[in-house]
C-alpha atoms as a PDB file:
ATOM      1  CA  MET A   1     -20.376  24.356  -8.903  1.00  0.00           C
ATOM      2  CA  GLY A   2     -19.113  26.389 -11.351  1.00  0.00           C
ATOM      3  CA  ALA A   3     -15.203  27.679 -11.795  1.00  0.00           C
ATOM      4  CA  TRP A   4     -15.601  30.652 -10.223  1.00  0.00           C
ATOM      5  CA  GLU A   5     -18.033  29.349  -7.398  1.00  0.00           C
ATOM      6  CA  ASP A   6     -15.069  26.491  -6.989  1.00  0.00           C
ATOM      7  CA  GLN A   7     -12.142  28.680  -6.780  1.00  0.00           C
ATOM      8  CA  ALA A   8     -14.174  31.190  -4.293  1.00  0.00           C
ATOM      9  CA  LYS A   9     -14.812  28.293  -2.292  1.00  0.00           C
ATOM     10  CA  ARG A  10     -10.803  28.050  -1.951  1.00  0.00           C
ATOM     11  CA  THR A  11     -10.481  30.731  -1.595  1.00  0.00           C
ATOM     12  CA  ASN A  12     -12.398  31.262   1.394  1.00  0.00           C
ATOM     13  CA  ASN A  13     -11.037  28.459   2.914  1.00  0.00           C
ATOM     14  CA  TYR A  14      -7.551  29.501   2.569  1.00  0.00           C
ATOM     15  CA  ARG A  15      -8.309  32.978   4.459  1.00  0.00           C
ATOM     16  CA  LEU A  16     -10.018  30.801   6.889  1.00  0.00           C
ATOM     17  CA  HIS A  17      -7.022  28.794   7.520  1.00  0.00           C
ATOM     18  CA  TRP A  18      -4.474  31.794   7.995  1.00  0.00           C
ATOM     19  CA  SER A  19      -6.507  33.558   9.842  1.00  0.00           C
ATOM     20  CA  GLU A  20      -6.335  30.730  12.202  1.00  0.00           C
ATOM     21  CA  ALA A  21      -2.861  30.285  11.863  1.00  0.00           C
ATOM     22  CA  GLN A  22      -2.122  34.147  12.820  1.00  0.00           C
ATOM     23  CA  ASP A  23      -3.538  33.433  16.256  1.00  0.00           C
ATOM     24  CA  PHE A  24      -1.389  30.711  17.010  1.00  0.00           C
ATOM     25  CA  ASN A  25       1.066  30.964  19.387  1.00  0.00           C
ATOM     26  CA  PHE A  26       3.993  29.162  19.111  1.00  0.00           C
ATOM     27  CA  ILE A  27       5.990  29.253  22.056  1.00  0.00           C
ATOM     28  CA  ALA A  28       2.486  29.581  24.453  1.00  0.00           C
ATOM     29  CA  ALA A  29       1.467  26.176  22.672  1.00  0.00           C
ATOM     30  CA  LEU A  30       4.981  24.288  23.712  1.00  0.00           C
ATOM     31  CA  LEU A  31       4.934  25.768  27.259  1.00  0.00           C
ATOM     32  CA  SER A  32       1.412  24.305  27.703  1.00  0.00           C
ATOM     33  CA  ALA A  33       1.685  21.192  25.986  1.00  0.00           C
ATOM     34  CA  THR A  34       1.103  18.086  28.048  1.00  0.00           C
ATOM     35  CA  ASN A  35       2.823  14.867  25.767  1.00  0.00           C
ATOM     36  CA  GLU A  36       5.117  14.376  22.881  1.00  0.00           C
ATOM     37  CA  GLU A  37       1.802  14.491  20.551  1.00  0.00           C
ATOM     38  CA  GLU A  38       1.083  18.141  21.379  1.00  0.00           C
ATOM     39  CA  VAL A  39       4.753  18.901  21.028  1.00  0.00           C
ATOM     40  CA  LYS A  40       4.685  17.432  17.795  1.00  0.00           C
ATOM     41  CA  ALA A  41       1.542  19.273  16.185  1.00  0.00           C
ATOM     42  CA  ALA A  42       2.589  22.429  17.706  1.00  0.00           C
ATOM     43  CA  TYR A  43       5.595  21.938  15.386  1.00  0.00           C
ATOM     44  CA  VAL A  44       3.855  20.958  12.361  1.00  0.00           C
ATOM     45  CA  ARG A  45       1.185  23.506  12.700  1.00  0.00           C
ATOM     46  CA  GLU A  46       3.907  26.597  13.405  1.00  0.00           C
ATOM     47  CA  PHE A  47       6.140  25.318  10.264  1.00  0.00           C
ATOM     48  CA  SER A  48       3.132  24.124   8.199  1.00  0.00           C
ATOM     49  CA  LEU A  49       5.079  20.233   7.334  1.00  0.00           C
ATOM     50  CA  PRO A  50       3.980  17.796   6.073  1.00  0.00           C
ATOM     51  CA  VAL A  51       2.730  15.205   8.230  1.00  0.00           C
ATOM     52  CA  LYS A  52       4.575  12.081   7.613  1.00  0.00           C
ATOM     53  CA  THR A  53       5.063   9.698  10.117  1.00  0.00           C
ATOM     54  CA  GLN A  54       7.229   6.611   8.298  1.00  0.00           C
ATOM     55  CA  GLU A  55       8.834   3.492  10.368  1.00  0.00           C
ATOM     56  CA  ARG A  56       6.699   4.819  13.129  1.00  0.00           C
ATOM     57  CA  HIS A  57       9.255   8.057  13.479  1.00  0.00           C
ATOM     58  CA  ASP A  58       7.946  10.880  14.737  1.00  0.00           C
ATOM     59  CA  LEU A  59       8.053  13.332  12.163  1.00  0.00           C
ATOM     60  CA  VAL A  60       9.977  13.039   9.263  1.00  0.00           C
ATOM     61  CA  VAL A  61       9.901  15.832   6.427  1.00  0.00           C
ATOM     62  CA  ASP A  62      12.412  15.284   3.077  1.00  0.00           C
ATOM     63  CA  LYS A  63      15.534  14.600   4.688  1.00  0.00           C
ATOM     64  CA  VAL A  64      14.561  15.642   8.531  1.00  0.00           C
ATOM     65  CA  LEU A  65      13.560  13.844  11.237  1.00  0.00           C
ATOM     66  CA  PHE A  66      12.338  15.272  14.263  1.00  0.00           C
ATOM     67  CA  GLU A  67      12.127  12.689  17.155  1.00  0.00           C
ATOM     68  CA  PHE A  68      10.050  14.383  20.013  1.00  0.00           C
ATOM     69  CA  LYS A  69      10.961  13.667  23.748  1.00  0.00           C
ATOM     70  CA  TYR A  70       8.966  15.367  26.442  1.00  0.00           C
ATOM     71  CA  SER A  71       9.247  13.887  29.810  1.00  0.00           C
ATOM     72  CA  VAL A  72      13.024  12.476  29.218  1.00  0.00           C
ATOM     73  CA  LYS A  73      15.354  14.476  31.097  1.00  0.00           C
ATOM     74  CA  LEU A  74      18.655  14.968  28.384  1.00  0.00           C
ATOM     75  CA  LYS A  75      21.686  15.623  31.568  1.00  0.00           C
ATOM     76  CA  LYS A  76      22.354  12.769  32.233  1.00  0.00           C
ATOM     77  CA  ILE A  77      24.547  11.245  29.850  1.00  0.00           C
ATOM     78  CA  GLU A  78      23.139   7.654  29.573  1.00  0.00           C
ATOM     79  CA  ILE A  79      19.784   9.102  28.844  1.00  0.00           C
ATOM     80  CA  ALA A  80      20.404  11.581  26.228  1.00  0.00           C
ATOM     81  CA  ALA A  81      22.771   8.563  24.237  1.00  0.00           C
ATOM     82  CA  LYS A  82      19.341   6.467  24.023  1.00  0.00           C
ATOM     83  CA  VAL A  83      17.868   9.383  22.213  1.00  0.00           C
ATOM     84  CA  ILE A  84      20.658  10.312  19.586  1.00  0.00           C
ATOM     85  CA  ALA A  85      20.878   6.480  19.534  1.00  0.00           C
ATOM     86  CA  GLN A  86      17.002   6.169  18.546  1.00  0.00           C
ATOM     87  CA  ALA A  87      16.958   9.393  16.210  1.00  0.00           C
ATOM     88  CA  ILE A  88      20.077   7.892  14.431  1.00  0.00           C
ATOM     89  CA  TYR A  89      18.444   4.801  13.981  1.00  0.00           C
END
């Protein structure tokens, strides 16, 4: 394949990914999520985040850590404290 063909292939791939991204509804994805992995995938897709899962954390992007909790009720202070402690350490 020549340089022009390579560039045309990359351009078509970018166009395909762009059109798929336009059809994505972040809020609908969050509302229909049934587990933490689906919530994480929605954030990764919406914000085009590089997927790095260091030291078994949910998602790390440069200096930001995302800790996803799907079925945890954060209104109870004991439970919220455990989640915050997990995110800190």
